[in-house]
C-alpha atoms as a PDB file:
ATOM      1  CA  MET A   1      19.352  11.473  49.374  1.00  0.00           C
ATOM      2  CA  ASN A   2      19.539  13.474  45.971  1.00  0.00           C
ATOM      3  CA  HIS A   3      22.522  11.384  44.690  1.00  0.00           C
ATOM      4  CA  PHE A   4      20.302   8.269  45.292  1.00  0.00           C
ATOM      5  CA  GLN A   5      17.743   9.938  43.744  1.00  0.00           C
ATOM      6  CA  ASP A   6      19.460  10.676  40.352  1.00  0.00           C
ATOM      7  CA  GLY A   7      20.687   7.644  40.377  1.00  0.00           C
ATOM      8  CA  PHE A   8      17.374   5.807  40.507  1.00  0.00           C
ATOM      9  CA  LYS A   9      16.209   8.298  37.449  1.00  0.00           C
ATOM     10  CA  THR A  10      18.945   7.198  35.476  1.00  0.00           C
ATOM     11  CA  LEU A  11      18.479   3.642  36.411  1.00  0.00           C
ATOM     12  CA  SER A  12      14.905   3.924  35.838  1.00  0.00           C
ATOM     13  CA  ALA A  13      15.638   5.408  31.858  1.00  0.00           C
ATOM     14  CA  PHE A  14      18.574   2.763  31.035  1.00  0.00           C
ATOM     15  CA  LEU A  15      16.171   0.041  31.652  1.00  0.00           C
ATOM     16  CA  SER A  16      12.981   1.878  29.970  1.00  0.00           C
ATOM     17  CA  TRP A  17      15.996   2.126  27.089  1.00  0.00           C
ATOM     18  CA  LEU A  18      16.482  -1.945  27.329  1.00  0.00           C
ATOM     19  CA  CYS A  19      12.620  -2.664  27.836  1.00  0.00           C
ATOM     20  CA  LEU A  20      12.540  -0.679  24.000  1.00  0.00           C
ATOM     21  CA  LEU A  21      15.415  -2.359  22.670  1.00  0.00           C
ATOM     22  CA  PHE A  22      14.936  -5.476  23.147  1.00  0.00           C
ATOM     23  CA  SER A  23      11.364  -6.551  24.525  1.00  0.00           C
ATOM     24  CA  SER A  24       8.947  -7.676  21.964  1.00  0.00           C
ATOM     25  CA  ALA A  25       6.193  -6.740  24.285  1.00  0.00           C
ATOM     26  CA  CYS A  26       7.454  -3.054  24.216  1.00  0.00           C
ATOM     27  CA  SER A  27       8.166  -2.687  20.678  1.00  0.00           C
ATOM     28  CA  SER A  28       4.854  -3.856  19.356  1.00  0.00           C
ATOM     29  CA  GLU A  29       3.357  -1.250  21.775  1.00  0.00           C
ATOM     30  CA  PHE A  30       5.571   1.824  20.304  1.00  0.00           C
ATOM     31  CA  PHE A  31       6.555   0.635  16.817  1.00  0.00           C
ATOM     32  CA  VAL A  32       3.421  -1.731  15.432  1.00  0.00           C
ATOM     33  CA  ASP A  33       1.027   0.031  13.307  1.00  0.00           C
ATOM     34  CA  LYS A  34      -1.977  -1.564  14.741  1.00  0.00           C
ATOM     35  CA  GLY A  35      -4.363   0.895  12.275  1.00  0.00           C
ATOM     36  CA  HIS A  36      -6.827   3.112  12.905  1.00  0.00           C
ATOM     37  CA  ARG A  37     -10.529   4.140  12.184  1.00  0.00           C
ATOM     38  CA  ASP A  38     -11.663   7.064   9.808  1.00  0.00           C
ATOM     39  CA  VAL A  39     -14.923   8.640   8.671  1.00  0.00           C
ATOM     40  CA  ILE A  40     -14.832  10.256   5.154  1.00  0.00           C
ATOM     41  CA  GLY A  41     -18.443  11.598   4.591  1.00  0.00           C
ATOM     42  CA  GLY A  42     -20.094  10.015   7.241  1.00  0.00           C
ATOM     43  CA  VAL A  43     -18.613   6.639   6.106  1.00  0.00           C
ATOM     44  CA  GLU A  44     -16.411   4.662   8.583  1.00  0.00           C
ATOM     45  CA  PHE A  45     -13.409   2.780   7.149  1.00  0.00           C
ATOM     46  CA  GLU A  46     -12.066   0.263   9.325  1.00  0.00           C
ATOM     47  CA  ILE A  47      -8.157   0.891   8.947  1.00  0.00           C
ATOM     48  CA  THR A  48      -6.576  -2.328  10.303  1.00  0.00           C
ATOM     49  CA  ALA A  49      -5.153  -5.828   9.618  1.00  0.00           C
ATOM     50  CA  PRO A  50      -5.292  -7.782   7.586  1.00  0.00           C
ATOM     51  CA  TYR A  51      -3.695  -6.104   4.588  1.00  0.00           C
ATOM     52  CA  LEU A  52      -3.132  -2.621   6.741  1.00  0.00           C
ATOM     53  CA  PHE A  53      -1.350  -1.443   4.140  1.00  0.00           C
ATOM     54  CA  GLU A  54      -3.225  -2.042   1.543  1.00  0.00           C
ATOM     55  CA  LYS A  55      -6.009  -0.134   2.503  1.00  0.00           C
ATOM     56  CA  LYS A  56      -3.543   2.404   3.612  1.00  0.00           C
ATOM     57  CA  ALA A  57      -3.174   3.487  -0.539  1.00  0.00           C
ATOM     58  CA  PHE A  58      -6.716   3.521  -0.591  1.00  0.00           C
ATOM     59  CA  LYS A  59      -7.044   7.254  -2.337  1.00  0.00           C
ATOM     60  CA  LEU A  60     -10.649   8.434  -1.386  1.00  0.00           C
ATOM     61  CA  ARG A  61     -10.673  12.371  -0.256  1.00  0.00           C
ATOM     62  CA  GLY A  62     -10.518  14.009  -3.185  1.00  0.00           C
ATOM     63  CA  GLU A  63     -12.680  11.474  -5.765  1.00  0.00           C
ATOM     64  CA  ASN A  64     -15.696  13.455  -5.600  1.00  0.00           C
ATOM     65  CA  LEU A  65     -17.200  10.026  -4.295  1.00  0.00           C
ATOM     66  CA  SER A  66     -21.088  10.747  -2.543  1.00  0.00           C
ATOM     67  CA  THR A  67     -21.670   9.066   0.947  1.00  0.00           C
ATOM     68  CA  TRP A  68     -23.501   5.967  -0.748  1.00  0.00           C
ATOM     69  CA  GLN A  69     -20.236   5.592  -3.235  1.00  0.00           C
ATOM     70  CA  LEU A  70     -18.303   5.652  -0.320  1.00  0.00           C
ATOM     71  CA  GLN A  71     -20.186   3.136   1.646  1.00  0.00           C
ATOM     72  CA  HIS A  72     -19.750   0.954  -1.290  1.00  0.00           C
ATOM     73  CA  ILE A  73     -16.022   1.099  -1.509  1.00  0.00           C
ATOM     74  CA  ALA A  74     -16.276   0.783   2.384  1.00  0.00           C
ATOM     75  CA  ASP A  75     -18.019  -2.893   2.540  1.00  0.00           C
ATOM     76  CA  ALA A  76     -15.511  -4.105  -0.448  1.00  0.00           C
ATOM     77  CA  MET A  77     -12.358  -2.904   1.068  1.00  0.00           C
ATOM     78  CA  PRO A  78     -11.606  -6.348   2.619  1.00  0.00           C
ATOM     79  CA  MET A  79     -11.851  -7.945  -0.466  1.00  0.00           C
ATOM     80  CA  ILE A  80      -9.971  -5.398  -2.454  1.00  0.00           C
ATOM     81  CA  ALA A  81      -7.353  -5.043  -0.191  1.00  0.00           C
ATOM     82  CA  ALA A  82      -7.054  -9.358  -0.332  1.00  0.00           C
ATOM     83  CA  MET A  83      -6.926  -9.272  -4.181  1.00  0.00           C
ATOM     84  CA  THR A  84      -4.127  -6.339  -4.307  1.00  0.00           C
ATOM     85  CA  ASN A  85      -1.948  -8.458  -1.616  1.00  0.00           C
ATOM     86  CA  SER A  86      -2.258 -11.049  -4.071  1.00  0.00           C
ATOM     87  CA  VAL A  87      -1.105  -9.245  -6.902  1.00  0.00           C
ATOM     88  CA  LEU A  88       1.788  -8.257  -5.122  1.00  0.00           C
ATOM     89  CA  ALA A  89       2.871 -12.041  -4.310  1.00  0.00           C
ATOM     90  CA  ASN A  90       5.589 -11.225  -1.884  1.00  0.00           C
ATOM     91  CA  ASP A  91       4.337 -14.218   0.272  1.00  0.00           C
ATOM     92  CA  THR A  92       6.082 -17.231  -1.389  1.00  0.00           C
ATOM     93  CA  ARG A  93       4.279 -20.129   0.759  1.00  0.00           C
ATOM     94  CA  PRO A  94       2.356 -22.160  -1.772  1.00  0.00           C
ATOM     95  CA  THR A  95      -1.149 -21.907   0.275  1.00  0.00           C
ATOM     96  CA  ALA A  96      -1.018 -18.096  -0.675  1.00  0.00           C
ATOM     97  CA  ALA A  97      -0.034 -18.991  -4.628  1.00  0.00           C
ATOM     98  CA  LEU A  98      -3.523 -21.122  -4.610  1.00  0.00           C
ATOM     99  CA  GLN A  99      -5.661 -17.944  -3.435  1.00  0.00           C
ATOM    100  CA  ARG A 100      -4.478 -16.080  -6.397  1.00  0.00           C
ATOM    101  CA  ASP A 101      -7.504 -15.330  -9.151  1.00  0.00           C
ATOM    102  CA  PRO A 102      -5.817 -16.666 -12.278  1.00  0.00           C
ATOM    103  CA  LYS A 103      -8.089 -13.938 -13.968  1.00  0.00           C
ATOM    104  CA  VAL A 104      -6.070 -11.209 -11.902  1.00  0.00           C
ATOM    105  CA  ARG A 105      -2.917 -10.194 -14.525  1.00  0.00           C
ATOM    106  CA  SER A 106       0.501 -10.740 -12.942  1.00  0.00           C
ATOM    107  CA  ILE A 107       2.811  -7.814 -12.482  1.00  0.00           C
ATOM    108  CA  ARG A 108       5.476 -10.070 -11.849  1.00  0.00           C
ATOM    109  CA  GLN A 109       4.972 -11.505 -14.767  1.00  0.00           C
ATOM    110  CA  LEU A 110       4.314  -8.247 -16.827  1.00  0.00           C
ATOM    111  CA  GLN A 111       7.215  -6.653 -15.814  1.00  0.00           C
ATOM    112  CA  ARG A 112       9.493  -9.419 -15.517  1.00  0.00           C
ATOM    113  CA  LEU A 113      10.253  -9.598 -11.453  1.00  0.00           C
ATOM    114  CA  ASP A 114      11.656 -12.537  -9.576  1.00  0.00           C
ATOM    115  CA  GLN A 115      10.502 -13.566  -6.196  1.00  0.00           C
ATOM    116  CA  ALA A 116      13.838 -11.713  -4.701  1.00  0.00           C
ATOM    117  CA  THR A 117      12.113  -8.077  -5.962  1.00  0.00           C
ATOM    118  CA  PHE A 118       9.441  -6.570  -3.607  1.00  0.00           C
ATOM    119  CA  LEU A 119       6.764  -4.970  -5.170  1.00  0.00           C
ATOM    120  CA  ALA A 120       4.257  -2.709  -3.057  1.00  0.00           C
ATOM    121  CA  VAL A 121       1.561  -0.697  -3.876  1.00  0.00           C
ATOM    122  CA  LYS A 122       1.405   3.066  -3.620  1.00  0.00           C
ATOM    123  CA  THR A 123      -2.012   4.267  -4.162  1.00  0.00           C
ATOM    124  CA  LEU A 124      -5.441   2.795  -5.310  1.00  0.00           C
ATOM    125  CA  GLN A 125      -7.484   5.743  -6.869  1.00  0.00           C
ATOM    126  CA  ASN A 126     -10.083   6.926  -9.977  1.00  0.00           C
ATOM    127  CA  TRP A 127     -12.829   5.239  -8.177  1.00  0.00           C
ATOM    128  CA  GLN A 128     -16.056   4.916 -10.459  1.00  0.00           C
ATOM    129  CA  VAL A 129     -18.937   3.275  -8.261  1.00  0.00           C
ATOM    130  CA  THR A 130     -22.074   2.466 -10.000  1.00  0.00           C
ATOM    131  CA  GLU A 131     -25.162   0.236  -8.388  1.00  0.00           C
ATOM    132  CA  GLY A 132     -23.164  -3.709  -7.898  1.00  0.00           C
ATOM    133  CA  GLN A 133     -19.521  -2.300  -9.770  1.00  0.00           C
ATOM    134  CA  ILE A 134     -16.602  -0.535  -8.396  1.00  0.00           C
ATOM    135  CA  GLN A 135     -14.080  -0.004 -10.881  1.00  0.00           C
ATOM    136  CA  PHE A 136     -10.294   1.507  -9.720  1.00  0.00           C
ATOM    137  CA  THR A 137      -6.723   1.468 -10.966  1.00  0.00           C
ATOM    138  CA  THR A 138      -3.522   0.922  -8.787  1.00  0.00           C
ATOM    139  CA  ASP A 139      -0.345   2.090  -9.304  1.00  0.00           C
ATOM    140  CA  TYR A 140       2.558  -0.844  -7.835  1.00  0.00           C
ATOM    141  CA  PHE A 141       6.538   0.396  -7.053  1.00  0.00           C
ATOM    142  CA  TYR A 142       9.556  -1.359  -7.204  1.00  0.00           C
ATOM    143  CA  MET A 143      12.948  -0.893  -7.084  1.00  0.00           C
ATOM    144  CA  GLY A 144      14.157  -0.761 -10.255  1.00  0.00           C
ATOM    145  CA  ALA A 145      18.174  -1.939 -11.686  1.00  0.00           C
ATOM    146  CA  GLU A 146      19.389   1.768 -11.691  1.00  0.00           C
ATOM    147  CA  GLY A 147      18.660   2.260  -7.815  1.00  0.00           C
ATOM    148  CA  HIS A 148      15.321   4.370  -8.865  1.00  0.00           C
ATOM    149  CA  PHE A 149      11.727   3.605  -8.042  1.00  0.00           C
ATOM    150  CA  VAL A 150       9.450   1.846 -11.088  1.00  0.00           C
ATOM    151  CA  TYR A 151       5.698   2.583 -11.478  1.00  0.00           C
ATOM    152  CA  PHE A 152       3.217   0.442 -13.097  1.00  0.00           C
ATOM    153  CA  ARG A 153      -0.743   1.096 -12.943  1.00  0.00           C
ATOM    154  CA  ASP A 154      -3.454  -1.699 -14.065  1.00  0.00           C
ATOM    155  CA  ASN A 155      -6.958  -1.495 -13.792  1.00  0.00           C
ATOM    156  CA  TYR A 156      -9.488  -3.750 -11.811  1.00  0.00           C
ATOM    157  CA  VAL A 157     -13.528  -3.861 -11.764  1.00  0.00           C
ATOM    158  CA  PHE A 158     -15.517  -5.430  -8.787  1.00  0.00           C
ATOM    159  CA  ARG A 159     -18.856  -6.718  -9.016  1.00  0.00           C
ATOM    160  CA  LYS A 160     -21.183  -7.620  -6.294  1.00  0.00           C
ATOM    161  CA  ARG A 161     -22.468 -11.220  -6.580  1.00  0.00           C
ATOM    162  CA  GLN A 162     -24.911 -13.079  -3.732  1.00  0.00           C
ATOM    163  CA  GLN A 163     -24.223  -9.986  -1.392  1.00  0.00           C
ATOM    164  CA  GLN A 164     -20.040 -10.267  -1.591  1.00  0.00           C
ATOM    165  CA  TRP A 165     -18.020  -8.425  -3.334  1.00  0.00           C
ATOM    166  CA  VAL A 166     -15.698 -10.471  -5.704  1.00  0.00           C
ATOM    167  CA  PHE A 167     -13.020  -9.396  -8.876  1.00  0.00           C
ATOM    168  CA  GLU A 168     -15.334  -9.522 -11.952  1.00  0.00           C
ATOM    169  CA  ARG A 169     -12.754  -8.477 -14.993  1.00  0.00           C
ATOM    170  CA  HIS A 170     -10.001  -5.639 -15.803  1.00  0.00           C
ATOM    171  CA  ALA A 171     -11.658  -2.635 -17.094  1.00  0.00           C
ATOM    172  CA  GLN A 172      -9.630  -2.449 -20.445  1.00  0.00           C
ATOM    173  CA  ALA A 173      -7.670  -5.401 -22.191  1.00  0.00           C
ATOM    174  CA  GLN A 174      -4.418  -3.937 -21.108  1.00  0.00           C
ATOM    175  CA  PRO A 175      -2.795  -2.439 -18.309  1.00  0.00           C
ATOM    176  CA  GLU A 176      -1.868   1.251 -18.033  1.00  0.00           C
ATOM    177  CA  GLY A 177       1.891   0.005 -18.039  1.00  0.00           C
ATOM    178  CA  LEU A 178       4.789   2.165 -16.687  1.00  0.00           C
ATOM    179  CA  LEU A 179       4.065   5.557 -15.011  1.00  0.00           C
ATOM    180  CA  ARG A 180       5.787   8.904 -15.018  1.00  0.00           C
ATOM    181  CA  CYS A 181       6.160  10.590 -11.704  1.00  0.00           C
ATOM    182  CA  GLU A 182       6.672  14.080 -10.786  1.00  0.00           C
ATOM    183  CA  LYS A 183       6.696  16.286  -8.102  1.00  0.00           C
ATOM    184  CA  ASN A 184       4.195  19.509  -8.747  1.00  0.00           C
ATOM    185  CA  ASN A 185       4.933  22.817  -6.785  1.00  0.00           C
ATOM    186  CA  ARG A 186       3.004  21.659  -3.968  1.00  0.00           C
ATOM    187  CA  GLY A 187       5.286  18.772  -3.472  1.00  0.00           C
ATOM    188  CA  TRP A 188       2.991  16.342  -4.830  1.00  0.00           C
ATOM    189  CA  ARG A 189       3.954  13.130  -6.377  1.00  0.00           C
ATOM    190  CA  GLN A 190       1.663  12.893  -9.308  1.00  0.00           C
ATOM    191  CA  CYS A 191       2.096   9.898 -11.699  1.00  0.00           C
ATOM    192  CA  GLU A 192       0.638   9.713 -15.458  1.00  0.00           C
ATOM    193  CA  PRO A 193       0.917   6.835 -17.839  1.00  0.00           C
ATOM    194  CA  ASP A 194       4.635   7.414 -19.649  1.00  0.00           C
ATOM    195  CA  LYS A 195       3.650   6.074 -22.926  1.00  0.00           C
ATOM    196  CA  ASP A 196       7.500   6.364 -24.393  1.00  0.00           C
ATOM    197  CA  ALA A 197       8.459   4.404 -21.108  1.00  0.00           C
ATOM    198  CA  VAL A 198      11.431   1.412 -21.365  1.00  0.00           C
ATOM    199  CA  LEU A 199      11.514  -1.439 -19.360  1.00  0.00           C
ATOM    200  CA  SER A 200      13.039  -0.627 -16.054  1.00  0.00           C
ATOM    201  CA  ALA A 201      14.711  -4.137 -14.984  1.00  0.00           C
ATOM    202  CA  PRO A 202      14.504  -4.801 -11.231  1.00  0.00           C
ATOM    203  CA  VAL A 203      17.535  -4.756  -8.529  1.00  0.00           C
ATOM    204  CA  ALA A 204      17.936  -8.103  -7.244  1.00  0.00           C
ATOM    205  CA  LEU A 205      17.175  -7.073  -3.220  1.00  0.00           C
ATOM    206  CA  THR A 206      16.582  -9.464  -0.473  1.00  0.00           C
ATOM    207  CA  VAL A 207      12.733  -9.360   0.308  1.00  0.00           C
ATOM    208  CA  ALA A 208      13.458  -8.332   3.920  1.00  0.00           C
ATOM    209  CA  HIS A 209      15.769  -5.424   2.546  1.00  0.00           C
ATOM    210  CA  ALA A 210      13.441  -4.281  -0.078  1.00  0.00           C
ATOM    211  CA  LYS A 211      10.602  -4.646   2.694  1.00  0.00           C
ATOM    212  CA  HIS A 212      12.057  -1.988   4.289  1.00  0.00           C
ATOM    213  CA  ARG A 213      12.731   0.237   1.269  1.00  0.00           C
ATOM    214  CA  ALA A 214       9.522   0.093   0.433  1.00  0.00           C
ATOM    215  CA  GLN A 215       7.978   0.816   4.086  1.00  0.00           C
ATOM    216  CA  THR A 216      10.541   3.320   4.905  1.00  0.00           C
ATOM    217  CA  ALA A 217       9.011   5.110   1.640  1.00  0.00           C
ATOM    218  CA  ILE A 218       6.320   6.435   3.434  1.00  0.00           C
ATOM    219  CA  VAL A 219       8.061   8.428   5.774  1.00  0.00           C
ATOM    220  CA  ASN A 220      11.415   9.218   3.387  1.00  0.00           C
ATOM    221  CA  ARG A 221      10.433  12.575   1.286  1.00  0.00           C
ATOM    222  CA  GLN A 222      12.524  11.348  -1.486  1.00  0.00           C
ATOM    223  CA  SER A 223      10.942   8.082  -1.823  1.00  0.00           C
ATOM    224  CA  PRO A 224       7.405   7.524  -3.041  1.00  0.00           C
ATOM    225  CA  PRO A 225       4.755   8.165  -0.541  1.00  0.00           C
ATOM    226  CA  GLN A 226       1.067   5.594  -0.491  1.00  0.00           C
ATOM    227  CA  CYS A 227      -0.605   8.326  -2.114  1.00  0.00           C
ATOM    228  CA  ASP A 228      -1.110  11.926  -3.773  1.00  0.00           C
ATOM    229  CA  ARG A 229      -0.587  13.737  -0.689  1.00  0.00           C
ATOM    230  CA  PRO A 230       1.799  15.904   0.471  1.00  0.00           C
ATOM    231  CA  PHE A 231       4.810  13.490   1.991  1.00  0.00           C
ATOM    232  CA  GLY A 232       4.454  11.595   5.120  1.00  0.00           C
ATOM    233  CA  ALA A 233       0.086  12.113   5.123  1.00  0.00           C
ATOM    234  CA  ASP A 234      -1.532   9.082   5.169  1.00  0.00           C
ATOM    235  CA  CYS A 235      -4.450   8.914   1.925  1.00  0.00           C
ATOM    236  CA  PHE A 236      -6.522   8.981   5.227  1.00  0.00           C
END
């Protein structure tokens, strides 16, 4: 009887392993990030698809924002995340190109990135919120030719028009540009504009490989987190 029970447990464990390895249903349940909801300053944020990773990059804690300002950002989050995704321009479908706002600066054109280079978002921060207007900066990163991450910052202004948050303009005539990122004594990665930086050409990684590298950067202590919190921690 004991031999039967041991054999049954072994078989069950083996079948469970096969399920995790091959079943899309099991994989989606255990490995797909379905997002979450969080409350900051009494305001609820829905960090879910679409544009889940763009929403996770919002840095809201430690920004000295009032409840009223946070509510503005929560309302505008879907539109800001959608614009951020369009700037990444990793989607090569013709319909995606048609949805890109021509008034928004192209990071790929500024940095001469080809479509084989995967561009990712690190942090949306430096929020300035007034009645009907939201101003912020966004840090992007990609894999440079020397195998190191290259960081780039641009600035944006959204305005509420006809009860809808839309991109209006860039806050400055030029982006902040390339960044110098270093870890402080608390292990946080902090980025500041690098006035002496030299343009780093991208390495021609496949989109699939680069996407994997960018997503694993969230948990890799030697890779950039999505926000200026200790490695492995979400902005929320």
